[in-house]
Amino acid sequence: MSLNNATGQLIVAHERIAGFMPAMTMPYKVAGTTSEVHPGDQISATLVVDNETEWLENLRVTRKAPDGFMPLAAPAAAVLGTEVPDFPPEEPG
């Protein structure tokens, strides 16, 4: 997860949402504050979808990023549909 300060959106690498979308990385608007969220944090949120847009509500940090975490640099002109690198699987626990 990372924060795009220019748009105020969180860029989230999420798991598959059964019956809705495959696992992917994409930006989401957030209802409420993002001040407690930092790059690399793992989050939990409710995805709300209407006819025109989607956003995250009830955002909470479930696991803080390790000290010294540095996010991968994203291409400046990344757009939806751009291929992203594979991420290593999470370790249990």
N, C-alpha and C. Protein backbone atom coordinates (compact mmCIF):
# COMPACT_ATOMS: atom_id res chain seq x y z
N MET A 1 0.84 -1.16 0.00
CA MET A 1 0.00 0.00 0.00
C MET A 1 0.90 1.23 0.00
N SER A 2 0.51 2.22 -0.79
CA SER A 2 1.22 3.49 -0.77
C SER A 2 0.20 4.61 -0.94
N LEU A 3 0.61 5.82 -0.64
CA LEU A 3 -0.28 6.97 -0.71
C LEU A 3 0.18 7.89 -1.83
N ASN A 4 -0.75 8.27 -2.71
CA ASN A 4 -0.47 9.24 -3.75
C ASN A 4 -0.93 10.60 -3.23
N ASN A 5 0.00 11.40 -2.75
CA ASN A 5 -0.35 12.69 -2.16
C ASN A 5 -0.98 13.65 -3.16
N ALA A 6 -0.64 13.53 -4.43
CA ALA A 6 -1.20 14.43 -5.44
C ALA A 6 -2.69 14.22 -5.62
N THR A 7 -3.16 12.97 -5.50
CA THR A 7 -4.58 12.68 -5.71
C THR A 7 -5.31 12.35 -4.41
N GLY A 8 -4.56 12.13 -3.34
CA GLY A 8 -5.18 11.74 -2.08
C GLY A 8 -5.71 10.32 -2.09
N GLN A 9 -5.21 9.49 -3.00
CA GLN A 9 -5.66 8.11 -3.10
C GLN A 9 -4.63 7.16 -2.54
N LEU A 10 -5.11 6.03 -2.04
CA LEU A 10 -4.23 4.95 -1.65
C LEU A 10 -4.05 4.02 -2.83
N ILE A 11 -2.83 3.58 -3.06
CA ILE A 11 -2.57 2.59 -4.10
C ILE A 11 -2.41 1.27 -3.37
N VAL A 12 -3.35 0.36 -3.62
CA VAL A 12 -3.45 -0.87 -2.84
C VAL A 12 -3.21 -2.08 -3.73
N ALA A 13 -2.32 -2.96 -3.28
CA ALA A 13 -2.15 -4.28 -3.89
C ALA A 13 -3.06 -5.21 -3.09
N HIS A 14 -4.19 -5.60 -3.69
CA HIS A 14 -5.17 -6.37 -2.93
C HIS A 14 -5.32 -7.78 -3.46
N GLU A 15 -5.88 -8.60 -2.61
CA GLU A 15 -6.18 -9.98 -2.97
C GLU A 15 -7.40 -10.02 -3.88
N ARG A 16 -7.66 -11.19 -4.43
CA ARG A 16 -8.86 -11.41 -5.23
C ARG A 16 -10.10 -11.12 -4.38
N ILE A 17 -11.07 -10.45 -4.98
CA ILE A 17 -12.35 -10.21 -4.34
C ILE A 17 -13.34 -11.13 -5.05
N ALA A 18 -13.70 -12.22 -4.40
CA ALA A 18 -14.51 -13.28 -5.01
C ALA A 18 -15.75 -12.71 -5.69
N GLY A 19 -15.93 -13.10 -6.96
CA GLY A 19 -17.10 -12.69 -7.72
C GLY A 19 -17.09 -11.25 -8.19
N PHE A 20 -15.96 -10.54 -7.95
CA PHE A 20 -15.93 -9.12 -8.32
C PHE A 20 -14.72 -8.75 -9.16
N MET A 21 -13.49 -9.04 -8.66
CA MET A 21 -12.28 -8.70 -9.42
C MET A 21 -11.11 -9.57 -8.97
N PRO A 22 -10.17 -9.78 -9.89
CA PRO A 22 -8.97 -10.55 -9.52
C PRO A 22 -8.04 -9.71 -8.64
N ALA A 23 -7.03 -10.37 -8.10
CA ALA A 23 -6.01 -9.64 -7.34
C ALA A 23 -5.33 -8.66 -8.28
N MET A 24 -5.10 -7.44 -7.82
CA MET A 24 -4.44 -6.42 -8.63
C MET A 24 -3.97 -5.28 -7.75
N THR A 25 -3.27 -4.35 -8.36
CA THR A 25 -2.85 -3.13 -7.68
C THR A 25 -3.55 -1.98 -8.36
N MET A 26 -4.25 -1.15 -7.56
CA MET A 26 -4.97 -0.02 -8.15
C MET A 26 -5.21 1.06 -7.11
N PRO A 27 -5.49 2.29 -7.57
CA PRO A 27 -5.75 3.38 -6.64
C PRO A 27 -7.20 3.38 -6.16
N TYR A 28 -7.39 3.79 -4.93
CA TYR A 28 -8.73 3.90 -4.35
C TYR A 28 -8.87 5.24 -3.63
N LYS A 29 -10.01 5.87 -3.78
CA LYS A 29 -10.36 7.02 -2.94
C LYS A 29 -10.65 6.47 -1.55
N VAL A 30 -10.48 7.32 -0.54
CA VAL A 30 -10.71 6.89 0.84
C VAL A 30 -11.68 7.86 1.50
N ALA A 31 -12.71 7.30 2.13
CA ALA A 31 -13.62 8.10 2.94
C ALA A 31 -13.00 8.21 4.33
N GLY A 32 -12.73 9.43 4.77
CA GLY A 32 -12.11 9.63 6.07
C GLY A 32 -10.63 9.92 5.93
N THR A 33 -9.94 9.84 7.04
CA THR A 33 -8.53 10.22 7.10
C THR A 33 -7.60 9.06 6.73
N THR A 34 -6.45 9.41 6.20
CA THR A 34 -5.40 8.43 5.90
C THR A 34 -4.14 8.74 6.70
N SER A 35 -4.26 9.58 7.72
CA SER A 35 -3.07 10.05 8.44
C SER A 35 -2.34 8.94 9.19
N GLU A 36 -3.02 7.86 9.54
CA GLU A 36 -2.38 6.77 10.28
C GLU A 36 -1.79 5.71 9.36
N VAL A 37 -1.98 5.87 8.04
CA VAL A 37 -1.53 4.87 7.08
C VAL A 37 -0.23 5.33 6.43
N HIS A 38 0.74 4.42 6.36
CA HIS A 38 2.04 4.72 5.77
C HIS A 38 2.40 3.69 4.72
N PRO A 39 3.23 4.04 3.75
CA PRO A 39 3.64 3.08 2.72
C PRO A 39 4.13 1.77 3.33
N GLY A 40 3.65 0.67 2.78
CA GLY A 40 4.04 -0.65 3.24
C GLY A 40 3.14 -1.24 4.31
N ASP A 41 2.28 -0.42 4.91
CA ASP A 41 1.34 -0.95 5.90
C ASP A 41 0.36 -1.90 5.24
N GLN A 42 -0.07 -2.90 5.98
CA GLN A 42 -1.16 -3.75 5.53
C GLN A 42 -2.43 -3.19 6.15
N ILE A 43 -3.50 -3.15 5.35
CA ILE A 43 -4.73 -2.52 5.81
C ILE A 43 -5.91 -3.46 5.63
N SER A 44 -6.98 -3.10 6.30
CA SER A 44 -8.28 -3.73 6.11
C SER A 44 -9.25 -2.57 5.87
N ALA A 45 -10.20 -2.77 4.94
CA ALA A 45 -11.16 -1.71 4.65
C ALA A 45 -12.39 -2.33 3.99
N THR A 46 -13.45 -1.56 3.95
CA THR A 46 -14.66 -1.95 3.23
C THR A 46 -14.63 -1.26 1.88
N LEU A 47 -14.73 -2.03 0.80
CA LEU A 47 -14.81 -1.48 -0.55
C LEU A 47 -16.27 -1.19 -0.86
N VAL A 48 -16.56 0.08 -1.14
CA VAL A 48 -17.92 0.50 -1.49
C VAL A 48 -17.93 0.84 -2.97
N VAL A 49 -18.90 0.30 -3.70
CA VAL A 49 -19.00 0.51 -5.14
C VAL A 49 -20.39 1.01 -5.47
N ASP A 50 -20.45 2.10 -6.25
CA ASP A 50 -21.74 2.54 -6.78
C ASP A 50 -21.66 2.53 -8.30
N ASN A 51 -22.61 3.12 -8.97
CA ASN A 51 -22.65 3.07 -10.45
C ASN A 51 -21.51 3.82 -11.11
N GLU A 52 -20.88 4.77 -10.42
CA GLU A 52 -19.89 5.63 -11.06
C GLU A 52 -18.48 5.53 -10.50
N THR A 53 -18.33 5.07 -9.27
CA THR A 53 -17.00 5.07 -8.64
C THR A 53 -16.93 4.04 -7.53
N GLU A 54 -15.77 3.95 -6.92
CA GLU A 54 -15.59 3.09 -5.76
C GLU A 54 -14.67 3.80 -4.77
N TRP A 55 -14.77 3.42 -3.49
CA TRP A 55 -13.93 4.02 -2.47
C TRP A 55 -13.81 3.05 -1.30
N LEU A 56 -12.85 3.35 -0.42
CA LEU A 56 -12.64 2.55 0.78
C LEU A 56 -13.18 3.27 1.99
N GLU A 57 -13.85 2.52 2.86
CA GLU A 57 -14.35 3.03 4.14
C GLU A 57 -13.84 2.12 5.25
N ASN A 58 -13.97 2.58 6.49
CA ASN A 58 -13.60 1.78 7.66
C ASN A 58 -12.16 1.28 7.57
N LEU A 59 -11.28 2.14 7.11
CA LEU A 59 -9.87 1.80 6.93
C LEU A 59 -9.18 1.65 8.27
N ARG A 60 -8.44 0.56 8.42
CA ARG A 60 -7.62 0.38 9.63
C ARG A 60 -6.35 -0.35 9.26
N VAL A 61 -5.28 -0.03 9.96
CA VAL A 61 -3.99 -0.67 9.75
C VAL A 61 -3.99 -1.98 10.53
N THR A 62 -3.72 -3.09 9.84
CA THR A 62 -3.68 -4.39 10.50
C THR A 62 -2.25 -4.83 10.79
N ARG A 63 -1.29 -4.25 10.07
CA ARG A 63 0.13 -4.56 10.29
C ARG A 63 0.96 -3.40 9.78
N LYS A 64 1.80 -2.86 10.64
CA LYS A 64 2.66 -1.74 10.26
C LYS A 64 3.81 -2.23 9.39
N ALA A 65 4.25 -1.37 8.51
CA ALA A 65 5.42 -1.68 7.67
C ALA A 65 6.66 -1.79 8.55
N PRO A 66 7.60 -2.63 8.16
CA PRO A 66 8.84 -2.73 8.94
C PRO A 66 9.61 -1.42 8.94
N ASP A 67 10.37 -1.17 10.00
CA ASP A 67 11.22 0.02 10.04
C ASP A 67 12.13 0.04 8.83
N GLY A 68 12.29 1.18 8.23
CA GLY A 68 13.17 1.34 7.07
C GLY A 68 12.55 0.87 5.76
N PHE A 69 11.25 0.57 5.75
CA PHE A 69 10.60 0.11 4.53
C PHE A 69 10.70 1.18 3.45
N MET A 70 11.10 0.77 2.25
CA MET A 70 11.17 1.67 1.11
C MET A 70 10.32 1.07 -0.01
N PRO A 71 9.25 1.76 -0.43
CA PRO A 71 8.42 1.21 -1.50
C PRO A 71 9.17 1.18 -2.82
N LEU A 72 8.77 0.26 -3.68
CA LEU A 72 9.34 0.22 -5.03
C LEU A 72 8.92 1.48 -5.76
N ALA A 73 9.78 2.02 -6.56
CA ALA A 73 9.45 3.21 -7.36
C ALA A 73 8.47 2.79 -8.45
N ALA A 74 7.40 3.54 -8.60
CA ALA A 74 6.41 3.26 -9.65
C ALA A 74 6.71 4.16 -10.84
N PRO A 75 6.41 3.69 -12.05
CA PRO A 75 6.59 4.56 -13.21
C PRO A 75 5.75 5.82 -13.07
N ALA A 76 6.26 6.93 -13.49
CA ALA A 76 5.56 8.21 -13.34
C ALA A 76 4.23 8.22 -14.06
N ALA A 77 4.12 7.52 -15.17
CA ALA A 77 2.88 7.56 -15.95
C ALA A 77 2.11 6.24 -15.85
N ALA A 78 2.18 5.55 -14.71
CA ALA A 78 1.47 4.28 -14.56
C ALA A 78 -0.03 4.50 -14.70
N VAL A 79 -0.67 3.64 -15.43
CA VAL A 79 -2.12 3.71 -15.62
C VAL A 79 -2.72 2.34 -15.34
N LEU A 80 -4.03 2.32 -15.12
CA LEU A 80 -4.69 1.04 -14.92
C LEU A 80 -4.42 0.16 -16.12
N GLY A 81 -4.16 -1.10 -15.88
CA GLY A 81 -3.86 -2.01 -16.95
C GLY A 81 -2.37 -2.18 -17.18
N THR A 82 -1.55 -1.35 -16.54
CA THR A 82 -0.11 -1.47 -16.65
C THR A 82 0.34 -2.70 -15.88
N GLU A 83 1.19 -3.51 -16.48
CA GLU A 83 1.67 -4.71 -15.80
C GLU A 83 2.54 -4.30 -14.62
N VAL A 84 2.34 -4.97 -13.49
CA VAL A 84 3.13 -4.69 -12.29
C VAL A 84 3.94 -5.93 -11.94
N PRO A 85 5.04 -5.76 -11.21
CA PRO A 85 5.87 -6.92 -10.87
C PRO A 85 5.16 -7.83 -9.88
N ASP A 86 5.56 -9.12 -9.87
CA ASP A 86 5.06 -10.05 -8.87
C ASP A 86 5.63 -9.66 -7.52
N PHE A 87 4.82 -9.84 -6.49
CA PHE A 87 5.26 -9.57 -5.14
C PHE A 87 5.46 -10.91 -4.44
N PRO A 88 6.46 -11.01 -3.56
CA PRO A 88 6.67 -12.28 -2.88
C PRO A 88 5.46 -12.59 -1.99
N PRO A 89 5.14 -13.86 -1.81
CA PRO A 89 3.99 -14.21 -0.95
C PRO A 89 4.28 -13.80 0.48
N GLU A 90 3.21 -13.49 1.21
CA GLU A 90 3.35 -13.10 2.60
C GLU A 90 3.69 -14.34 3.43
N GLU A 91 4.50 -14.11 4.44
CA GLU A 91 4.82 -15.21 5.35
C GLU A 91 3.70 -15.33 6.36
N PRO A 92 3.32 -16.56 6.73
CA PRO A 92 2.24 -16.73 7.71
C PRO A 92 2.63 -16.13 9.05
N GLY A 93 1.60 -15.67 9.72
CA GLY A 93 1.84 -15.26 11.08
C GLY A 93 1.88 -13.86 11.33
